[in-house]
Amino acid sequence: MIDHVRPTQLPAWFAAAAPQGGRPLVLDVREPWELQTASVRADGFELLAIPMGELPGRLAELDRSRPTACLCHHGARSLRVAAFLEHHGFESLANITGGIDAWSQECDPGVPRY
């Protein structure tokens, strides 16, 4: 099942998804130019950037049992990636609804909007 969480809900989702204190992952699936334009600061999670189109070839880099929240610009690409990961046996997944645009509005206004 894919959970849908707003950026402000992410810490609570991580706490519920990784109760033993494991390090959760935010998987940023945006393109390199987007990462240069705006990025989040990893705080209480690891941040890994793999563009959506590269993910099938880089799937082995990810741990299927690790809580993973997917991030893109507004949430559409990240939802497709979360569905792809679910299909490949990932156990604990979330889509960050609203993407980095919502992150900028809800969590860190220093993150540029584009």
N, C-alpha and C. Protein backbone atom coordinates (compact mmCIF):
# COMPACT_ATOMS: atom_id res chain seq x y z
N MET A 1 0.83 -1.17 0.00
CA MET A 1 0.00 0.00 0.00
C MET A 1 0.89 1.26 0.00
N ILE A 2 0.48 2.24 -0.74
CA ILE A 2 1.21 3.50 -0.81
C ILE A 2 0.46 4.53 0.05
N ASP A 3 1.15 5.07 1.03
CA ASP A 3 0.57 6.13 1.85
C ASP A 3 0.77 7.47 1.14
N HIS A 4 -0.13 8.37 1.36
CA HIS A 4 -0.04 9.72 0.81
C HIS A 4 0.15 10.67 1.98
N VAL A 5 1.31 11.34 2.01
CA VAL A 5 1.62 12.22 3.13
C VAL A 5 2.01 13.61 2.60
N ARG A 6 1.57 14.61 3.30
CA ARG A 6 2.00 15.98 3.02
C ARG A 6 3.40 16.14 3.60
N PRO A 7 4.18 17.09 3.13
CA PRO A 7 5.52 17.28 3.68
C PRO A 7 5.54 17.44 5.20
N THR A 8 4.56 18.14 5.75
CA THR A 8 4.52 18.33 7.20
C THR A 8 4.22 17.04 7.96
N GLN A 9 3.64 16.05 7.29
CA GLN A 9 3.31 14.77 7.92
C GLN A 9 4.45 13.75 7.83
N LEU A 10 5.48 14.09 7.09
CA LEU A 10 6.56 13.13 6.83
C LEU A 10 7.25 12.63 8.11
N PRO A 11 7.61 13.49 9.06
CA PRO A 11 8.25 12.97 10.28
C PRO A 11 7.38 11.93 11.01
N ALA A 12 6.08 12.17 11.08
CA ALA A 12 5.20 11.20 11.75
C ALA A 12 5.13 9.90 10.96
N TRP A 13 5.10 10.00 9.62
CA TRP A 13 5.07 8.79 8.81
C TRP A 13 6.34 8.00 9.00
N PHE A 14 7.49 8.69 9.02
CA PHE A 14 8.77 7.99 9.24
C PHE A 14 8.78 7.32 10.61
N ALA A 15 8.28 7.99 11.63
CA ALA A 15 8.26 7.42 12.98
C ALA A 15 7.41 6.15 13.02
N ALA A 16 6.29 6.17 12.31
CA ALA A 16 5.42 4.99 12.28
C ALA A 16 5.99 3.89 11.40
N ALA A 17 6.64 4.27 10.31
CA ALA A 17 7.15 3.28 9.35
C ALA A 17 8.47 2.66 9.80
N ALA A 18 9.23 3.38 10.61
CA ALA A 18 10.53 2.88 11.08
C ALA A 18 10.61 3.01 12.59
N PRO A 19 9.76 2.28 13.33
CA PRO A 19 9.69 2.47 14.77
C PRO A 19 10.97 2.06 15.51
N GLN A 20 11.78 1.19 14.93
CA GLN A 20 13.02 0.77 15.59
C GLN A 20 14.15 1.76 15.37
N GLY A 21 13.85 2.89 14.75
CA GLY A 21 14.87 3.91 14.58
C GLY A 21 15.71 3.74 13.33
N GLY A 22 15.28 2.89 12.39
CA GLY A 22 16.01 2.76 11.13
C GLY A 22 15.99 4.08 10.38
N ARG A 23 16.96 4.27 9.51
CA ARG A 23 17.06 5.54 8.77
C ARG A 23 16.21 5.48 7.52
N PRO A 24 15.12 6.23 7.48
CA PRO A 24 14.24 6.23 6.32
C PRO A 24 14.89 6.99 5.15
N LEU A 25 14.27 6.84 3.98
CA LEU A 25 14.81 7.39 2.75
C LEU A 25 13.77 8.28 2.07
N VAL A 26 14.21 9.44 1.60
CA VAL A 26 13.43 10.23 0.67
C VAL A 26 14.09 10.05 -0.68
N LEU A 27 13.34 9.48 -1.61
CA LEU A 27 13.82 9.23 -2.96
C LEU A 27 13.31 10.35 -3.86
N ASP A 28 14.22 11.22 -4.28
CA ASP A 28 13.87 12.35 -5.14
C ASP A 28 14.02 11.89 -6.58
N VAL A 29 12.91 11.86 -7.31
CA VAL A 29 12.91 11.30 -8.67
C VAL A 29 12.90 12.38 -9.75
N ARG A 30 13.20 13.62 -9.36
CA ARG A 30 13.22 14.71 -10.33
C ARG A 30 14.50 14.66 -11.19
N GLU A 31 14.49 15.45 -12.23
CA GLU A 31 15.62 15.53 -13.16
C GLU A 31 16.75 16.38 -12.55
N PRO A 32 17.99 16.17 -13.02
CA PRO A 32 19.12 16.92 -12.46
C PRO A 32 18.93 18.44 -12.48
N TRP A 33 18.35 18.98 -13.54
CA TRP A 33 18.17 20.44 -13.58
C TRP A 33 17.20 20.91 -12.49
N GLU A 34 16.24 20.04 -12.14
CA GLU A 34 15.30 20.38 -11.07
C GLU A 34 16.00 20.39 -9.72
N LEU A 35 16.91 19.43 -9.52
CA LEU A 35 17.67 19.36 -8.27
C LEU A 35 18.53 20.60 -8.10
N GLN A 36 19.08 21.11 -9.21
CA GLN A 36 19.89 22.32 -9.15
C GLN A 36 19.02 23.54 -8.83
N THR A 37 17.77 23.50 -9.25
CA THR A 37 16.86 24.61 -9.02
C THR A 37 16.38 24.65 -7.57
N ALA A 38 16.04 23.49 -7.03
CA ALA A 38 15.50 23.42 -5.67
C ALA A 38 15.73 22.03 -5.10
N SER A 39 16.12 21.97 -3.85
CA SER A 39 16.31 20.68 -3.20
C SER A 39 15.97 20.80 -1.72
N VAL A 40 15.62 19.68 -1.14
CA VAL A 40 15.33 19.66 0.30
C VAL A 40 16.61 19.33 1.05
N ARG A 41 16.61 19.67 2.31
CA ARG A 41 17.73 19.36 3.20
C ARG A 41 17.37 18.10 3.97
N ALA A 42 18.25 17.11 3.94
CA ALA A 42 18.00 15.87 4.66
C ALA A 42 18.06 16.14 6.16
N ASP A 43 16.96 15.88 6.84
CA ASP A 43 16.88 16.10 8.28
C ASP A 43 16.10 14.94 8.88
N GLY A 44 16.82 13.96 9.43
CA GLY A 44 16.17 12.79 10.01
C GLY A 44 15.91 11.70 9.00
N PHE A 45 16.42 11.86 7.79
CA PHE A 45 16.27 10.87 6.73
C PHE A 45 17.45 10.99 5.77
N GLU A 46 17.65 9.96 5.00
CA GLU A 46 18.65 10.03 3.93
C GLU A 46 17.94 10.52 2.68
N LEU A 47 18.62 11.31 1.88
CA LEU A 47 18.09 11.81 0.63
C LEU A 47 18.90 11.21 -0.51
N LEU A 48 18.19 10.58 -1.45
CA LEU A 48 18.83 9.98 -2.61
C LEU A 48 18.10 10.45 -3.85
N ALA A 49 18.86 10.93 -4.82
CA ALA A 49 18.27 11.40 -6.08
C ALA A 49 18.54 10.39 -7.18
N ILE A 50 17.46 9.86 -7.73
CA ILE A 50 17.52 8.99 -8.91
C ILE A 50 16.39 9.44 -9.82
N PRO A 51 16.72 10.04 -10.97
CA PRO A 51 15.65 10.46 -11.89
C PRO A 51 14.74 9.30 -12.25
N MET A 52 13.45 9.58 -12.41
CA MET A 52 12.47 8.54 -12.67
C MET A 52 12.89 7.62 -13.81
N GLY A 53 13.40 8.17 -14.88
CA GLY A 53 13.77 7.36 -16.04
C GLY A 53 14.94 6.42 -15.80
N GLU A 54 15.75 6.70 -14.79
CA GLU A 54 16.90 5.85 -14.47
C GLU A 54 16.57 4.76 -13.46
N LEU A 55 15.43 4.86 -12.82
CA LEU A 55 15.12 3.97 -11.71
C LEU A 55 15.13 2.49 -12.06
N PRO A 56 14.54 2.05 -13.19
CA PRO A 56 14.57 0.61 -13.48
C PRO A 56 15.99 0.03 -13.51
N GLY A 57 16.94 0.77 -14.03
CA GLY A 57 18.31 0.30 -14.09
C GLY A 57 19.08 0.44 -12.79
N ARG A 58 18.53 1.17 -11.84
CA ARG A 58 19.21 1.41 -10.57
C ARG A 58 18.45 0.84 -9.37
N LEU A 59 17.47 0.01 -9.64
CA LEU A 59 16.62 -0.54 -8.59
C LEU A 59 17.43 -1.28 -7.52
N ALA A 60 18.50 -1.93 -7.92
CA ALA A 60 19.31 -2.70 -6.98
C ALA A 60 19.98 -1.82 -5.92
N GLU A 61 20.01 -0.50 -6.12
CA GLU A 61 20.60 0.41 -5.14
C GLU A 61 19.70 0.63 -3.94
N LEU A 62 18.44 0.21 -4.04
CA LEU A 62 17.46 0.48 -2.99
C LEU A 62 17.17 -0.77 -2.18
N ASP A 63 16.86 -0.57 -0.90
CA ASP A 63 16.52 -1.64 0.03
C ASP A 63 15.00 -1.76 0.11
N ARG A 64 14.46 -2.91 -0.28
CA ARG A 64 13.01 -3.11 -0.33
C ARG A 64 12.33 -3.01 1.03
N SER A 65 13.08 -3.23 2.10
CA SER A 65 12.48 -3.19 3.44
C SER A 65 12.60 -1.82 4.11
N ARG A 66 13.28 -0.89 3.49
CA ARG A 66 13.50 0.43 4.08
C ARG A 66 12.31 1.35 3.80
N PRO A 67 11.80 2.05 4.81
CA PRO A 67 10.74 3.02 4.55
C PRO A 67 11.22 4.07 3.54
N THR A 68 10.46 4.22 2.46
CA THR A 68 10.86 5.10 1.37
C THR A 68 9.71 6.03 1.00
N ALA A 69 9.99 7.32 1.03
CA ALA A 69 9.02 8.33 0.61
C ALA A 69 9.53 8.94 -0.69
N CYS A 70 8.68 8.97 -1.70
CA CYS A 70 9.06 9.45 -3.02
C CYS A 70 8.67 10.91 -3.20
N LEU A 71 9.56 11.67 -3.83
CA LEU A 71 9.39 13.11 -3.99
C LEU A 71 9.63 13.52 -5.43
N CYS A 72 8.77 14.40 -5.95
CA CYS A 72 9.00 15.02 -7.25
C CYS A 72 8.56 16.48 -7.15
N HIS A 73 8.17 17.08 -8.27
CA HIS A 73 7.79 18.50 -8.26
C HIS A 73 6.43 18.72 -7.58
N HIS A 74 5.40 17.99 -8.02
CA HIS A 74 4.06 18.16 -7.46
C HIS A 74 3.46 16.86 -6.90
N GLY A 75 4.02 15.72 -7.21
CA GLY A 75 3.53 14.46 -6.67
C GLY A 75 3.07 13.43 -7.68
N ALA A 76 3.00 13.77 -8.97
CA ALA A 76 2.52 12.81 -9.97
C ALA A 76 3.60 11.79 -10.33
N ARG A 77 4.79 12.25 -10.65
CA ARG A 77 5.88 11.32 -10.98
C ARG A 77 6.21 10.44 -9.78
N SER A 78 6.27 11.04 -8.61
CA SER A 78 6.62 10.26 -7.42
C SER A 78 5.58 9.20 -7.11
N LEU A 79 4.32 9.46 -7.42
CA LEU A 79 3.29 8.44 -7.23
C LEU A 79 3.50 7.28 -8.19
N ARG A 80 3.85 7.57 -9.43
CA ARG A 80 4.15 6.50 -10.40
C ARG A 80 5.36 5.68 -9.94
N VAL A 81 6.37 6.36 -9.42
CA VAL A 81 7.55 5.65 -8.92
C VAL A 81 7.18 4.79 -7.72
N ALA A 82 6.38 5.30 -6.81
CA ALA A 82 5.96 4.51 -5.66
C ALA A 82 5.20 3.26 -6.11
N ALA A 83 4.35 3.39 -7.12
CA ALA A 83 3.62 2.23 -7.64
C ALA A 83 4.59 1.23 -8.27
N PHE A 84 5.60 1.71 -8.97
CA PHE A 84 6.63 0.85 -9.55
C PHE A 84 7.38 0.10 -8.45
N LEU A 85 7.74 0.81 -7.40
CA LEU A 85 8.45 0.17 -6.29
C LEU A 85 7.57 -0.85 -5.58
N GLU A 86 6.31 -0.52 -5.40
CA GLU A 86 5.38 -1.46 -4.77
C GLU A 86 5.28 -2.74 -5.61
N HIS A 87 5.21 -2.59 -6.91
CA HIS A 87 5.16 -3.73 -7.82
C HIS A 87 6.42 -4.60 -7.69
N HIS A 88 7.52 -3.99 -7.32
CA HIS A 88 8.79 -4.71 -7.18
C HIS A 88 9.08 -5.13 -5.73
N GLY A 89 8.06 -5.16 -4.90
CA GLY A 89 8.19 -5.76 -3.58
C GLY A 89 8.62 -4.84 -2.45
N PHE A 90 8.60 -3.54 -2.66
CA PHE A 90 8.93 -2.64 -1.58
C PHE A 90 7.79 -2.63 -0.57
N GLU A 91 8.15 -2.61 0.71
CA GLU A 91 7.17 -2.85 1.76
C GLU A 91 6.54 -1.60 2.36
N SER A 92 7.29 -0.53 2.50
CA SER A 92 6.80 0.65 3.21
C SER A 92 7.05 1.88 2.35
N LEU A 93 5.98 2.35 1.70
CA LEU A 93 6.10 3.42 0.71
C LEU A 93 5.15 4.57 0.99
N ALA A 94 5.63 5.76 0.67
CA ALA A 94 4.77 6.94 0.73
C ALA A 94 5.04 7.81 -0.48
N ASN A 95 4.01 8.50 -0.92
CA ASN A 95 4.15 9.55 -1.92
C ASN A 95 4.02 10.87 -1.17
N ILE A 96 4.99 11.77 -1.39
CA ILE A 96 4.93 13.07 -0.76
C ILE A 96 4.01 13.94 -1.61
N THR A 97 2.78 14.05 -1.17
CA THR A 97 1.73 14.75 -1.91
C THR A 97 2.05 16.24 -1.98
N GLY A 98 2.01 16.76 -3.18
CA GLY A 98 2.33 18.17 -3.39
C GLY A 98 3.78 18.41 -3.73
N GLY A 99 4.63 17.38 -3.54
CA GLY A 99 6.02 17.43 -3.94
C GLY A 99 6.82 18.54 -3.29
N ILE A 100 7.90 18.90 -3.98
CA ILE A 100 8.79 19.91 -3.45
C ILE A 100 8.12 21.29 -3.42
N ASP A 101 7.13 21.47 -4.28
CA ASP A 101 6.39 22.73 -4.26
C ASP A 101 5.67 22.89 -2.92
N ALA A 102 5.02 21.84 -2.46
CA ALA A 102 4.36 21.87 -1.15
C ALA A 102 5.39 21.96 -0.03
N TRP A 103 6.54 21.30 -0.21
CA TRP A 103 7.60 21.35 0.79
C TRP A 103 8.01 22.81 1.03
N SER A 104 8.16 23.55 -0.06
CA SER A 104 8.53 24.96 0.04
C SER A 104 7.46 25.76 0.80
N GLN A 105 6.20 25.47 0.53
CA GLN A 105 5.11 26.21 1.16
C GLN A 105 4.88 25.81 2.61
N GLU A 106 5.08 24.52 2.93
CA GLU A 106 4.72 24.00 4.25
C GLU A 106 5.88 23.87 5.23
N CYS A 107 7.08 23.59 4.70
CA CYS A 107 8.19 23.25 5.60
C CYS A 107 9.37 24.21 5.53
N ASP A 108 9.73 24.64 4.34
CA ASP A 108 10.96 25.43 4.20
C ASP A 108 10.78 26.44 3.07
N PRO A 109 10.37 27.66 3.41
CA PRO A 109 10.17 28.67 2.38
C PRO A 109 11.47 29.06 1.66
N GLY A 110 12.61 28.62 2.19
CA GLY A 110 13.89 28.88 1.53
C GLY A 110 14.09 28.00 0.30
N VAL A 111 13.26 26.97 0.14
CA VAL A 111 13.34 26.12 -1.05
C VAL A 111 12.64 26.86 -2.18
N PRO A 112 13.36 27.17 -3.27
CA PRO A 112 12.72 27.92 -4.36
C PRO A 112 11.57 27.15 -5.00
N ARG A 113 10.55 27.90 -5.40
CA ARG A 113 9.43 27.32 -6.13
C ARG A 113 9.68 27.55 -7.61
N TYR A 114 9.32 26.55 -8.41
CA TYR A 114 9.50 26.69 -9.87
C TYR A 114 8.34 26.08 -10.60
